[in-house]
Amino acid sequence: MKDNERHIEEKFQRFFKAKFPQVKNFARMLLKSETEAEDVAQDVFCKLWLQPDTWLNNDRDLDGYLFIMTRNMILNIFKHQQIVQEYQQEVLEKTVLYELTETEDILKNVYYKEMLMVIGLTLEKMPERRRMIFEMSRFKELSYKEIAEQLNISVRTVEHQVYLALIELKKILLLLFFLLSF
């Protein structure tokens, strides 16, 4: 039994050495990351190791199968990243919304999506620099210092622009609440 196991390991090592660079290069083309490509290629071969019937004593060319496995793993990575981004965006929107309204009771009285639309429209109407600073602060979660360094302005200017943006947003939301209460 030991000789058979050793034979299987040797055959897999030859298969791995022959095909790993191709799988990794394909993954790197799609992911644009050496590290992630290495991880995906390793995952492909880990799955194959657990499925010896696929590669052991198989005379057919497995290139197509390897590339489909790799592509599917990468698509799963992209789907996962998209889910994470959508979740983060939702959390950020709720955080900004809560910060603007400051109480949960108000949130219960207003339709969430309409508030987001009003906020979006208000942000679009702001001066470009103010909107950019506000979005960097609230949506990208950069500190005032990081924003100041990136835009080559003072921290005080960043604070003032965020303050003005919040004032504008609060005015619009107060008007919206006033209109909705009638």
Protein backbone atom coordinates (compact mmCIF):
# COMPACT_ATOMS: atom_id res chain seq x y z
CA MET A 1 0.00 0.00 0.00
CA LYS A 2 2.86 2.38 0.78
CA ASP A 3 4.33 1.98 -2.72
CA ASN A 4 0.98 2.80 -4.24
CA GLU A 5 0.65 5.96 -2.08
CA ARG A 6 4.19 7.02 -3.00
CA HIS A 7 3.38 6.43 -6.68
CA ILE A 8 0.26 8.62 -6.38
CA GLU A 9 2.23 11.38 -4.64
CA GLU A 10 4.97 11.30 -7.28
CA LYS A 11 2.44 11.42 -10.10
CA PHE A 12 0.66 14.36 -8.46
CA GLN A 13 3.99 16.18 -7.96
CA ARG A 14 4.78 15.80 -11.68
CA PHE A 15 1.28 16.96 -12.57
CA PHE A 16 1.57 19.90 -10.14
CA LYS A 17 5.01 20.97 -11.45
CA ALA A 18 3.83 20.79 -15.04
CA LYS A 19 0.52 22.63 -14.63
CA PHE A 20 0.91 24.96 -11.63
CA PRO A 21 2.69 27.76 -13.57
CA GLN A 22 -0.03 27.78 -16.25
CA VAL A 23 -2.83 27.93 -13.69
CA LYS A 24 -1.04 30.65 -11.71
CA ASN A 25 -0.40 32.75 -14.84
CA PHE A 26 -4.03 32.44 -15.89
CA ALA A 27 -5.18 33.48 -12.41
CA ARG A 28 -2.74 36.42 -12.39
CA MET A 29 -4.15 37.64 -15.73
CA LEU A 30 -7.64 37.75 -14.24
CA LEU A 31 -6.81 38.95 -10.74
CA LYS A 32 -3.93 41.32 -11.49
CA SER A 33 -2.29 40.17 -8.26
CA GLU A 34 0.64 37.80 -7.86
CA THR A 35 -0.30 36.87 -4.28
CA GLU A 36 -3.96 36.17 -5.03
CA ALA A 37 -3.02 34.21 -8.15
CA GLU A 38 -0.69 32.04 -6.08
CA ASP A 39 -3.47 31.41 -3.55
CA VAL A 40 -6.01 30.49 -6.23
CA ALA A 41 -3.57 28.15 -7.99
CA GLN A 42 -2.81 26.43 -4.69
CA ASP A 43 -6.54 26.07 -3.97
CA VAL A 44 -7.09 24.52 -7.40
CA PHE A 45 -4.43 21.88 -6.75
CA CYS A 46 -5.66 21.25 -3.20
CA LYS A 47 -9.09 20.46 -4.62
CA LEU A 48 -7.54 18.25 -7.27
CA TRP A 49 -5.52 16.35 -4.67
CA LEU A 50 -8.82 15.46 -3.00
CA GLN A 51 -10.19 14.23 -6.36
CA PRO A 52 -7.55 11.76 -7.60
CA ASP A 53 -10.00 10.21 -10.07
CA THR A 54 -9.87 13.45 -12.02
CA TRP A 55 -6.12 13.47 -12.67
CA LEU A 56 -4.82 9.99 -11.78
CA ASN A 57 -4.60 7.52 -14.68
CA ASN A 58 -6.35 10.00 -16.90
CA ASP A 59 -5.16 10.23 -20.48
CA ARG A 60 -7.28 13.21 -21.48
CA ASP A 61 -5.91 16.73 -21.51
CA LEU A 62 -6.90 18.48 -18.29
CA ASP A 63 -5.98 22.02 -19.33
CA GLY A 64 -9.58 23.02 -20.04
CA TYR A 65 -10.74 21.54 -16.74
CA LEU A 66 -7.98 23.35 -14.83
CA PHE A 67 -8.82 26.68 -16.42
CA ILE A 68 -12.55 26.28 -15.76
CA MET A 69 -11.80 25.43 -12.10
CA THR A 70 -9.53 28.46 -11.85
CA ARG A 71 -12.05 30.75 -13.54
CA ASN A 72 -14.84 29.55 -11.22
CA MET A 73 -12.73 30.15 -8.12
CA ILE A 74 -11.91 33.65 -9.32
CA LEU A 75 -15.57 34.37 -10.07
CA ASN A 76 -16.38 33.29 -6.51
CA ILE A 77 -13.72 35.70 -5.23
CA PHE A 78 -15.23 38.53 -7.29
CA LYS A 79 -18.74 37.71 -6.04
CA HIS A 80 -17.51 37.69 -2.45
CA GLN A 81 -15.72 41.02 -2.92
CA GLN A 82 -18.86 42.54 -4.39
CA ILE A 83 -20.96 41.34 -1.45
CA VAL A 84 -18.43 42.79 0.99
CA GLN A 85 -18.37 46.13 -0.87
CA GLU A 86 -22.17 46.33 -0.97
CA TYR A 87 -22.35 45.58 2.74
CA GLN A 88 -19.70 48.20 3.55
CA GLN A 89 -21.51 50.77 1.40
CA GLU A 90 -24.79 50.03 3.16
CA VAL A 91 -23.17 50.37 6.59
CA LEU A 92 -21.55 53.66 5.57
CA GLU A 93 -24.82 55.03 4.20
CA LYS A 94 -26.67 54.09 7.37
CA THR A 95 -23.92 55.64 9.49
CA VAL A 96 -24.07 58.91 7.57
CA LEU A 97 -27.84 58.87 7.67
CA TYR A 98 -27.88 58.27 11.41
CA GLU A 99 -25.26 60.97 11.96
CA LEU A 100 -27.39 63.44 10.02
CA THR A 101 -30.63 62.64 11.78
CA GLU A 102 -29.13 61.80 15.18
CA THR A 103 -32.10 59.74 16.35
CA GLU A 104 -33.58 56.45 15.31
CA ASP A 105 -37.14 57.77 15.73
CA ILE A 106 -36.75 60.06 12.74
CA LEU A 107 -35.45 57.18 10.65
CA LYS A 108 -38.65 55.26 11.36
CA ASN A 109 -40.79 58.09 9.95
CA VAL A 110 -38.97 58.56 6.65
CA TYR A 111 -38.41 56.17 3.80
CA TYR A 112 -34.79 55.20 3.81
CA LYS A 113 -34.23 55.11 0.05
CA GLU A 114 -35.86 58.50 -0.48
CA MET A 115 -33.60 59.99 2.17
CA LEU A 116 -30.58 58.51 0.43
CA MET A 117 -31.76 59.97 -2.85
CA VAL A 118 -32.16 63.41 -1.26
CA ILE A 119 -28.70 63.11 0.31
CA GLY A 120 -27.24 62.09 -3.05
CA LEU A 121 -28.89 65.01 -4.83
CA THR A 122 -27.75 67.42 -2.12
CA LEU A 123 -24.19 66.14 -2.39
CA GLU A 124 -24.29 66.58 -6.18
CA LYS A 125 -25.35 70.22 -5.76
CA MET A 126 -22.48 71.01 -3.37
CA PRO A 127 -19.31 72.66 -4.60
CA GLU A 128 -17.11 69.88 -5.97
CA ARG A 129 -14.33 70.31 -3.41
CA ARG A 130 -16.74 70.26 -0.45
CA ARG A 131 -18.51 67.17 -1.79
CA MET A 132 -15.18 65.42 -2.40
CA ILE A 133 -13.94 66.20 1.12
CA PHE A 134 -17.22 65.06 2.67
CA GLU A 135 -17.24 61.79 0.69
CA MET A 136 -13.60 61.11 1.57
CA SER A 137 -14.45 61.65 5.22
CA ARG A 138 -17.72 59.77 5.44
CA PHE A 139 -17.71 57.20 2.63
CA LYS A 140 -14.01 56.39 2.35
CA GLU A 141 -13.52 56.81 6.10
CA LEU A 142 -10.34 58.86 5.77
CA SER A 143 -9.25 60.97 8.71
CA TYR A 144 -9.20 64.73 8.38
CA LYS A 145 -5.42 64.60 8.44
CA GLU A 146 -5.32 62.03 5.59
CA ILE A 147 -7.70 64.15 3.52
CA ALA A 148 -5.65 67.28 4.17
CA GLU A 149 -2.45 65.51 3.10
CA GLN A 150 -4.02 64.08 -0.07
CA LEU A 151 -5.51 67.42 -1.12
CA ASN A 152 -2.61 69.51 0.12
CA ILE A 153 -4.84 71.68 2.34
CA SER A 154 -5.01 72.33 6.07
CA VAL A 155 -6.85 70.09 8.52
CA ARG A 156 -8.85 73.15 9.55
CA THR A 157 -10.07 73.56 5.95
CA VAL A 158 -11.16 69.92 5.90
CA GLU A 159 -13.02 70.35 9.20
CA HIS A 160 -14.73 73.48 7.92
CA GLN A 161 -15.80 71.88 4.62
CA VAL A 162 -17.22 68.81 6.39
CA TYR A 163 -19.03 71.11 8.81
CA LEU A 164 -20.54 73.11 5.92
CA ALA A 165 -21.56 69.90 4.14
CA LEU A 166 -23.29 68.60 7.28
CA ILE A 167 -25.10 71.93 7.74
CA GLU A 168 -26.35 71.77 4.13
CA LEU A 169 -27.47 68.16 4.51
CA LYS A 170 -29.22 68.85 7.81
CA LYS A 171 -31.10 71.81 6.30
CA ILE A 172 -32.36 69.67 3.42
CA LEU A 173 -33.33 66.84 5.77
CA LEU A 174 -35.18 69.23 8.08
CA LEU A 175 -37.09 70.56 5.09
CA LEU A 176 -37.85 66.99 4.02
CA PHE A 177 -39.12 66.09 7.52
CA PHE A 178 -41.19 69.25 7.59
CA LEU A 179 -42.80 68.43 4.23
CA LEU A 180 -43.39 64.80 5.19
CA SER A 181 -45.05 65.73 8.46
CA PHE A 182 -47.89 67.46 6.61
